[in-house]
Amino acid sequence: LHSMSFATPQDAEDAFYDALEGGDAEAMAAVWDPAADIACLLPMSPLIQGPEVMEMWRSMFEQGMAFDIQVSHLAWIEGGDMALHLIEERIGQPDRAAGGPVPTVYGTNLFRRGSEGWRLVMHQNSPVPPPPGAFGEGAPPA
């Protein structure tokens, strides 16, 4: 699968989320640039770089982790051989009680074009800020 070629950053991004949803370590490895400078930063986790990125995904998938994620694009910044996609991920949890809020995180996916097409070089997530008024600020006067 490492010989897969992605013609656009969006093709690589689609393959990344397909691999996440399928819990497929080989498909995940095909999406990432094989270079040593790749990085992944997930909430409440240390920065992971280089070969450790694939080790992390493989370990997660071996534990049976798979994800149901709906992606919305907030912005694309693309130029030359680099592309940055700013996204919002809504993580569905099938066992959640009906009507509960769906967790949302912001994400950043950085892609680089090389001789084998576009590959992911950095994936980062962070929680979205709380809604206005969640901590009392901006509340209407009494």
N, C-alpha and C. Protein backbone atom coordinates (compact mmCIF):
# COMPACT_ATOMS: atom_id res chain seq x y z
N LEU A 1 0.81 -1.20 0.00
CA LEU A 1 0.00 0.00 0.00
C LEU A 1 0.84 1.26 0.00
N HIS A 2 2.12 1.17 0.39
CA HIS A 2 2.95 2.37 0.40
C HIS A 2 3.12 2.95 -0.99
N SER A 3 2.81 2.15 -2.05
CA SER A 3 2.97 2.65 -3.41
C SER A 3 1.75 3.45 -3.86
N MET A 4 0.72 3.57 -2.99
CA MET A 4 -0.44 4.36 -3.37
C MET A 4 -0.01 5.79 -3.62
N SER A 5 -0.63 6.41 -4.63
CA SER A 5 -0.32 7.79 -4.95
C SER A 5 -1.60 8.61 -4.84
N PHE A 6 -1.49 9.77 -4.21
CA PHE A 6 -2.65 10.65 -4.04
C PHE A 6 -2.43 11.89 -4.89
N ALA A 7 -3.34 12.13 -5.83
CA ALA A 7 -3.19 13.21 -6.80
C ALA A 7 -3.41 14.59 -6.18
N THR A 8 -4.19 14.65 -5.10
CA THR A 8 -4.49 15.94 -4.46
C THR A 8 -4.39 15.78 -2.95
N PRO A 9 -4.22 16.90 -2.23
CA PRO A 9 -4.25 16.81 -0.77
C PRO A 9 -5.58 16.23 -0.27
N GLN A 10 -6.68 16.56 -0.95
CA GLN A 10 -7.98 16.05 -0.53
C GLN A 10 -8.05 14.53 -0.67
N ASP A 11 -7.43 13.98 -1.72
CA ASP A 11 -7.39 12.52 -1.88
C ASP A 11 -6.67 11.88 -0.69
N ALA A 12 -5.55 12.48 -0.28
CA ALA A 12 -4.80 11.95 0.86
C ALA A 12 -5.61 12.09 2.14
N GLU A 13 -6.30 13.22 2.29
CA GLU A 13 -7.11 13.43 3.49
C GLU A 13 -8.26 12.43 3.57
N ASP A 14 -8.92 12.20 2.44
CA ASP A 14 -10.01 11.22 2.41
C ASP A 14 -9.49 9.83 2.82
N ALA A 15 -8.31 9.47 2.32
CA ALA A 15 -7.72 8.16 2.64
C ALA A 15 -7.36 8.09 4.13
N PHE A 16 -6.92 9.21 4.71
CA PHE A 16 -6.59 9.25 6.14
C PHE A 16 -7.84 8.93 6.97
N TYR A 17 -8.95 9.59 6.67
CA TYR A 17 -10.16 9.35 7.46
C TYR A 17 -10.76 7.98 7.18
N ASP A 18 -10.61 7.48 5.96
CA ASP A 18 -11.06 6.11 5.67
C ASP A 18 -10.26 5.12 6.51
N ALA A 19 -8.94 5.33 6.62
CA ALA A 19 -8.09 4.44 7.42
C ALA A 19 -8.46 4.54 8.90
N LEU A 20 -8.74 5.76 9.38
CA LEU A 20 -9.16 5.93 10.77
C LEU A 20 -10.45 5.18 11.05
N GLU A 21 -11.43 5.36 10.15
CA GLU A 21 -12.73 4.73 10.36
C GLU A 21 -12.65 3.22 10.25
N GLY A 22 -11.74 2.73 9.39
CA GLY A 22 -11.61 1.30 9.20
C GLY A 22 -10.64 0.64 10.17
N GLY A 23 -9.92 1.44 10.96
CA GLY A 23 -8.91 0.88 11.86
C GLY A 23 -7.84 0.13 11.09
N ASP A 24 -7.45 0.66 9.93
CA ASP A 24 -6.56 -0.03 8.99
C ASP A 24 -5.15 0.57 9.03
N ALA A 25 -4.24 -0.12 9.69
CA ALA A 25 -2.87 0.39 9.87
C ALA A 25 -2.12 0.48 8.55
N GLU A 26 -2.33 -0.47 7.64
CA GLU A 26 -1.62 -0.44 6.35
C GLU A 26 -2.10 0.73 5.51
N ALA A 27 -3.41 0.97 5.49
CA ALA A 27 -3.95 2.12 4.76
C ALA A 27 -3.46 3.42 5.38
N MET A 28 -3.37 3.45 6.71
CA MET A 28 -2.87 4.64 7.40
C MET A 28 -1.42 4.90 7.00
N ALA A 29 -0.60 3.87 6.97
CA ALA A 29 0.81 4.03 6.60
C ALA A 29 0.96 4.56 5.19
N ALA A 30 0.03 4.21 4.30
CA ALA A 30 0.11 4.66 2.91
C ALA A 30 -0.16 6.15 2.77
N VAL A 31 -0.88 6.72 3.72
CA VAL A 31 -1.26 8.14 3.67
C VAL A 31 -0.12 9.05 4.11
N TRP A 32 0.68 8.60 5.07
CA TRP A 32 1.72 9.44 5.66
C TRP A 32 2.98 9.46 4.81
N ASP A 33 3.62 10.61 4.77
CA ASP A 33 4.91 10.74 4.11
C ASP A 33 5.91 9.84 4.85
N PRO A 34 6.73 9.10 4.13
CA PRO A 34 7.69 8.22 4.81
C PRO A 34 8.88 8.97 5.43
N ALA A 35 8.92 10.27 5.31
CA ALA A 35 10.05 11.06 5.84
C ALA A 35 10.07 11.04 7.37
N ALA A 36 11.22 11.36 7.93
CA ALA A 36 11.40 11.34 9.38
C ALA A 36 10.80 12.56 10.07
N ASP A 37 10.38 13.57 9.30
CA ASP A 37 9.92 14.81 9.93
C ASP A 37 8.40 14.88 10.10
N ILE A 38 7.69 13.75 10.01
CA ILE A 38 6.25 13.77 10.22
C ILE A 38 5.94 13.93 11.70
N ALA A 39 4.72 14.41 12.00
CA ALA A 39 4.37 14.65 13.39
C ALA A 39 2.87 14.48 13.60
N CYS A 40 2.50 14.06 14.82
CA CYS A 40 1.10 13.92 15.19
C CYS A 40 0.96 14.44 16.62
N LEU A 41 -0.04 15.30 16.82
CA LEU A 41 -0.28 15.87 18.14
C LEU A 41 -1.77 15.76 18.45
N LEU A 42 -2.10 14.86 19.35
CA LEU A 42 -3.49 14.62 19.75
C LEU A 42 -3.73 15.20 21.13
N PRO A 43 -4.98 15.56 21.44
CA PRO A 43 -5.26 16.14 22.76
C PRO A 43 -4.80 15.23 23.90
N MET A 44 -4.25 15.83 24.92
CA MET A 44 -3.82 15.11 26.13
C MET A 44 -2.73 14.08 25.84
N SER A 45 -1.99 14.27 24.75
CA SER A 45 -0.91 13.35 24.38
C SER A 45 0.34 14.15 24.05
N PRO A 46 1.51 13.54 24.23
CA PRO A 46 2.74 14.23 23.84
C PRO A 46 2.87 14.27 22.32
N LEU A 47 3.69 15.18 21.83
CA LEU A 47 4.00 15.25 20.41
C LEU A 47 4.70 13.95 19.99
N ILE A 48 4.24 13.37 18.90
CA ILE A 48 4.84 12.14 18.38
C ILE A 48 5.42 12.47 17.01
N GLN A 49 6.66 12.03 16.76
CA GLN A 49 7.33 12.35 15.51
C GLN A 49 7.97 11.12 14.89
N GLY A 50 8.21 11.21 13.58
CA GLY A 50 8.93 10.17 12.85
C GLY A 50 8.23 8.82 12.91
N PRO A 51 9.01 7.74 13.02
CA PRO A 51 8.46 6.39 12.99
C PRO A 51 7.46 6.12 14.12
N GLU A 52 7.54 6.90 15.20
CA GLU A 52 6.61 6.70 16.32
C GLU A 52 5.16 6.97 15.91
N VAL A 53 4.97 7.78 14.86
CA VAL A 53 3.60 8.09 14.41
C VAL A 53 2.91 6.81 13.95
N MET A 54 3.58 6.04 13.11
CA MET A 54 2.97 4.80 12.62
C MET A 54 2.81 3.78 13.75
N GLU A 55 3.78 3.77 14.68
CA GLU A 55 3.68 2.86 15.83
C GLU A 55 2.44 3.19 16.66
N MET A 56 2.15 4.49 16.83
CA MET A 56 0.98 4.89 17.60
C MET A 56 -0.31 4.42 16.93
N TRP A 57 -0.44 4.69 15.60
CA TRP A 57 -1.66 4.26 14.90
C TRP A 57 -1.80 2.74 14.94
N ARG A 58 -0.72 2.02 14.70
CA ARG A 58 -0.78 0.56 14.70
C ARG A 58 -1.24 0.05 16.07
N SER A 59 -0.69 0.63 17.13
CA SER A 59 -1.07 0.23 18.49
C SER A 59 -2.55 0.52 18.75
N MET A 60 -3.02 1.69 18.34
CA MET A 60 -4.43 2.03 18.54
C MET A 60 -5.33 1.05 17.80
N PHE A 61 -4.99 0.74 16.57
CA PHE A 61 -5.83 -0.15 15.78
C PHE A 61 -5.78 -1.58 16.30
N GLU A 62 -4.60 -2.01 16.80
CA GLU A 62 -4.48 -3.36 17.38
C GLU A 62 -5.35 -3.50 18.62
N GLN A 63 -5.61 -2.38 19.31
CA GLN A 63 -6.49 -2.39 20.48
C GLN A 63 -7.96 -2.32 20.07
N GLY A 64 -8.22 -2.35 18.77
CA GLY A 64 -9.60 -2.34 18.29
C GLY A 64 -10.19 -0.96 18.14
N MET A 65 -9.36 0.06 18.25
CA MET A 65 -9.90 1.41 18.12
C MET A 65 -10.19 1.73 16.66
N ALA A 66 -11.38 2.23 16.42
CA ALA A 66 -11.78 2.75 15.12
C ALA A 66 -12.65 3.96 15.42
N PHE A 67 -12.79 4.82 14.46
CA PHE A 67 -13.44 6.10 14.72
C PHE A 67 -14.52 6.37 13.68
N ASP A 68 -15.59 7.01 14.12
CA ASP A 68 -16.64 7.48 13.23
C ASP A 68 -16.54 9.00 13.26
N ILE A 69 -15.98 9.57 12.20
CA ILE A 69 -15.68 11.00 12.19
C ILE A 69 -16.31 11.66 10.97
N GLN A 70 -17.03 12.75 11.22
CA GLN A 70 -17.54 13.58 10.14
C GLN A 70 -16.66 14.83 10.09
N VAL A 71 -16.17 15.16 8.90
CA VAL A 71 -15.23 16.26 8.73
C VAL A 71 -15.88 17.42 7.99
N SER A 72 -15.71 18.62 8.53
CA SER A 72 -16.11 19.85 7.84
C SER A 72 -14.86 20.69 7.64
N HIS A 73 -14.69 21.22 6.44
CA HIS A 73 -13.53 22.08 6.18
C HIS A 73 -13.83 23.51 6.60
N LEU A 74 -12.93 24.10 7.35
CA LEU A 74 -13.04 25.50 7.77
C LEU A 74 -12.25 26.39 6.82
N ALA A 75 -11.07 25.93 6.40
CA ALA A 75 -10.22 26.71 5.49
C ALA A 75 -9.17 25.80 4.86
N TRP A 76 -8.79 26.13 3.66
CA TRP A 76 -7.68 25.47 2.98
C TRP A 76 -6.66 26.53 2.64
N ILE A 77 -5.41 26.24 2.94
CA ILE A 77 -4.31 27.13 2.56
C ILE A 77 -3.37 26.25 1.75
N GLU A 78 -3.36 26.46 0.44
CA GLU A 78 -2.56 25.60 -0.42
C GLU A 78 -1.69 26.44 -1.33
N GLY A 79 -0.45 26.01 -1.49
CA GLY A 79 0.46 26.70 -2.40
C GLY A 79 1.69 25.86 -2.63
N GLY A 80 2.08 25.74 -3.88
CA GLY A 80 3.28 24.98 -4.20
C GLY A 80 3.13 23.52 -3.79
N ASP A 81 4.09 23.04 -3.03
CA ASP A 81 4.11 21.63 -2.63
C ASP A 81 3.61 21.40 -1.21
N MET A 82 2.94 22.41 -0.64
CA MET A 82 2.40 22.26 0.71
C MET A 82 0.92 22.64 0.71
N ALA A 83 0.16 21.96 1.55
CA ALA A 83 -1.26 22.27 1.69
C ALA A 83 -1.65 22.08 3.16
N LEU A 84 -2.39 23.05 3.68
CA LEU A 84 -2.84 23.02 5.06
C LEU A 84 -4.37 23.04 5.07
N HIS A 85 -4.97 22.04 5.68
CA HIS A 85 -6.42 21.98 5.79
C HIS A 85 -6.80 22.17 7.26
N LEU A 86 -7.59 23.20 7.53
CA LEU A 86 -8.12 23.45 8.86
C LEU A 86 -9.53 22.89 8.87
N ILE A 87 -9.80 21.99 9.82
CA ILE A 87 -11.05 21.24 9.78
C ILE A 87 -11.72 21.21 11.15
N GLU A 88 -12.95 20.80 11.14
CA GLU A 88 -13.69 20.50 12.37
C GLU A 88 -14.09 19.03 12.25
N GLU A 89 -13.77 18.27 13.26
CA GLU A 89 -14.12 16.84 13.29
C GLU A 89 -15.22 16.62 14.32
N ARG A 90 -16.31 16.01 13.88
CA ARG A 90 -17.37 15.60 14.81
C ARG A 90 -17.23 14.10 14.97
N ILE A 91 -16.97 13.69 16.19
CA ILE A 91 -16.69 12.28 16.47
C ILE A 91 -17.96 11.61 16.94
N GLY A 92 -18.50 10.75 16.10
CA GLY A 92 -19.72 10.03 16.45
C GLY A 92 -19.40 8.87 17.36
N GLN A 93 -20.26 8.62 18.31
CA GLN A 93 -20.09 7.48 19.21
C GLN A 93 -21.39 6.70 19.20
N PRO A 94 -21.44 5.59 18.45
CA PRO A 94 -22.67 4.84 18.30
C PRO A 94 -23.33 4.44 19.62
N ASP A 95 -22.55 4.25 20.68
CA ASP A 95 -23.14 3.80 21.95
C ASP A 95 -23.59 4.97 22.83
N ARG A 96 -23.49 6.17 22.32
CA ARG A 96 -23.92 7.36 23.07
C ARG A 96 -25.42 7.38 23.22
N ALA A 97 -25.89 7.91 24.32
CA ALA A 97 -27.34 8.06 24.52
C ALA A 97 -27.89 8.99 23.45
N ALA A 98 -29.02 8.65 22.90
CA ALA A 98 -29.63 9.45 21.85
C ALA A 98 -29.84 10.88 22.35
N GLY A 99 -29.54 11.82 21.49
CA GLY A 99 -29.76 13.21 21.84
C GLY A 99 -28.60 13.89 22.51
N GLY A 100 -27.57 13.15 22.90
CA GLY A 100 -26.41 13.76 23.53
C GLY A 100 -25.61 14.55 22.52
N PRO A 101 -24.83 15.54 22.97
CA PRO A 101 -24.03 16.31 22.02
C PRO A 101 -22.91 15.45 21.43
N VAL A 102 -22.61 15.70 20.18
CA VAL A 102 -21.53 14.98 19.51
C VAL A 102 -20.23 15.75 19.76
N PRO A 103 -19.21 15.10 20.34
CA PRO A 103 -17.95 15.80 20.61
C PRO A 103 -17.35 16.38 19.32
N THR A 104 -16.82 17.57 19.42
CA THR A 104 -16.21 18.25 18.27
C THR A 104 -14.80 18.67 18.64
N VAL A 105 -13.89 18.52 17.69
CA VAL A 105 -12.53 19.02 17.85
C VAL A 105 -12.12 19.74 16.58
N TYR A 106 -11.21 20.70 16.72
CA TYR A 106 -10.60 21.31 15.56
C TYR A 106 -9.42 20.45 15.16
N GLY A 107 -9.13 20.43 13.89
CA GLY A 107 -7.99 19.66 13.41
C GLY A 107 -7.21 20.43 12.36
N THR A 108 -5.96 20.09 12.24
CA THR A 108 -5.08 20.64 11.21
C THR A 108 -4.39 19.47 10.53
N ASN A 109 -4.51 19.42 9.22
CA ASN A 109 -3.82 18.41 8.43
C ASN A 109 -2.88 19.12 7.47
N LEU A 110 -1.59 18.80 7.55
CA LEU A 110 -0.59 19.40 6.67
C LEU A 110 -0.11 18.34 5.70
N PHE A 111 -0.15 18.67 4.42
CA PHE A 111 0.25 17.75 3.35
C PHE A 111 1.42 18.32 2.58
N ARG A 112 2.25 17.40 2.04
CA ARG A 112 3.40 17.79 1.22
C ARG A 112 3.37 16.95 -0.05
N ARG A 113 3.64 17.60 -1.18
CA ARG A 113 3.70 16.87 -2.45
C ARG A 113 5.13 16.45 -2.72
N GLY A 114 5.31 15.17 -2.98
CA GLY A 114 6.62 14.63 -3.32
C GLY A 114 6.53 13.85 -4.62
N SER A 115 7.54 13.07 -4.90
CA SER A 115 7.57 12.31 -6.16
C SER A 115 6.46 11.27 -6.24
N GLU A 116 5.92 10.86 -5.09
CA GLU A 116 4.85 9.86 -5.06
C GLU A 116 3.47 10.50 -4.87
N GLY A 117 3.37 11.81 -5.08
CA GLY A 117 2.09 12.49 -4.89
C GLY A 117 2.00 13.12 -3.51
N TRP A 118 0.78 13.43 -3.10
CA TRP A 118 0.54 14.11 -1.82
C TRP A 118 0.53 13.12 -0.66
N ARG A 119 1.15 13.52 0.44
CA ARG A 119 1.18 12.70 1.66
C ARG A 119 0.96 13.61 2.87
N LEU A 120 0.41 13.02 3.91
CA LEU A 120 0.21 13.72 5.18
C LEU A 120 1.54 13.81 5.91
N VAL A 121 1.88 15.00 6.43
CA VAL A 121 3.11 15.16 7.21
C VAL A 121 2.83 15.58 8.65
N MET A 122 1.61 16.11 8.92
CA MET A 122 1.28 16.50 10.28
C MET A 122 -0.23 16.46 10.46
N HIS A 123 -0.65 15.83 11.56
CA HIS A 123 -2.07 15.85 11.96
C HIS A 123 -2.09 16.31 13.40
N GLN A 124 -2.97 17.29 13.68
CA GLN A 124 -3.07 17.85 15.03
C GLN A 124 -4.54 18.07 15.33
N ASN A 125 -4.93 17.82 16.57
CA ASN A 125 -6.29 18.07 17.04
C ASN A 125 -6.25 18.93 18.28
N SER A 126 -7.31 19.72 18.48
CA SER A 126 -7.49 20.44 19.74
C SER A 126 -8.98 20.62 19.98
N PRO A 127 -9.39 20.61 21.25
CA PRO A 127 -10.81 20.81 21.54
C PRO A 127 -11.27 22.18 21.08
N VAL A 128 -12.54 22.28 20.72
CA VAL A 128 -13.09 23.59 20.36
C VAL A 128 -13.30 24.39 21.63
N PRO A 129 -13.30 25.71 21.53
CA PRO A 129 -13.54 26.51 22.73
C PRO A 129 -14.97 26.32 23.22
N PRO A 130 -15.21 26.54 24.49
CA PRO A 130 -16.57 26.40 25.02
C PRO A 130 -17.47 27.46 24.42
N PRO A 131 -18.79 27.21 24.39
CA PRO A 131 -19.70 28.21 23.83
C PRO A 131 -19.68 29.49 24.67
N PRO A 132 -20.02 30.63 24.06
CA PRO A 132 -20.05 31.89 24.80
C PRO A 132 -20.95 31.75 26.02
N GLY A 133 -20.49 32.29 27.15
CA GLY A 133 -21.28 32.24 28.36
C GLY A 133 -21.11 30.98 29.19
N ALA A 134 -20.32 30.02 28.70
CA ALA A 134 -20.16 28.76 29.42
C ALA A 134 -19.54 28.97 30.80
N PHE A 135 -18.74 30.01 30.93
CA PHE A 135 -18.09 30.29 32.22
C PHE A 135 -18.56 31.62 32.80
N GLY A 136 -19.75 32.07 32.37
CA GLY A 136 -20.32 33.27 32.93
C GLY A 136 -19.99 34.55 32.17
N GLU A 137 -18.97 34.50 31.30
CA GLU A 137 -18.61 35.72 30.57
C GLU A 137 -19.66 35.96 29.47
N GLY A 138 -19.94 37.18 29.23
CA GLY A 138 -20.87 37.52 28.15
C GLY A 138 -22.32 37.21 28.47
N ALA A 139 -22.61 36.89 29.71
CA ALA A 139 -24.01 36.58 30.08
C ALA A 139 -24.81 37.89 30.08
N PRO A 140 -26.08 37.81 29.68
CA PRO A 140 -26.88 39.04 29.69
C PRO A 140 -27.04 39.56 31.11
N PRO A 141 -27.13 40.90 31.26
CA PRO A 141 -27.27 41.45 32.62
C PRO A 141 -28.58 40.99 33.25
N ALA A 142 -28.57 40.84 34.56
CA ALA A 142 -29.77 40.36 35.28
C ALA A 142 -30.83 41.43 35.34
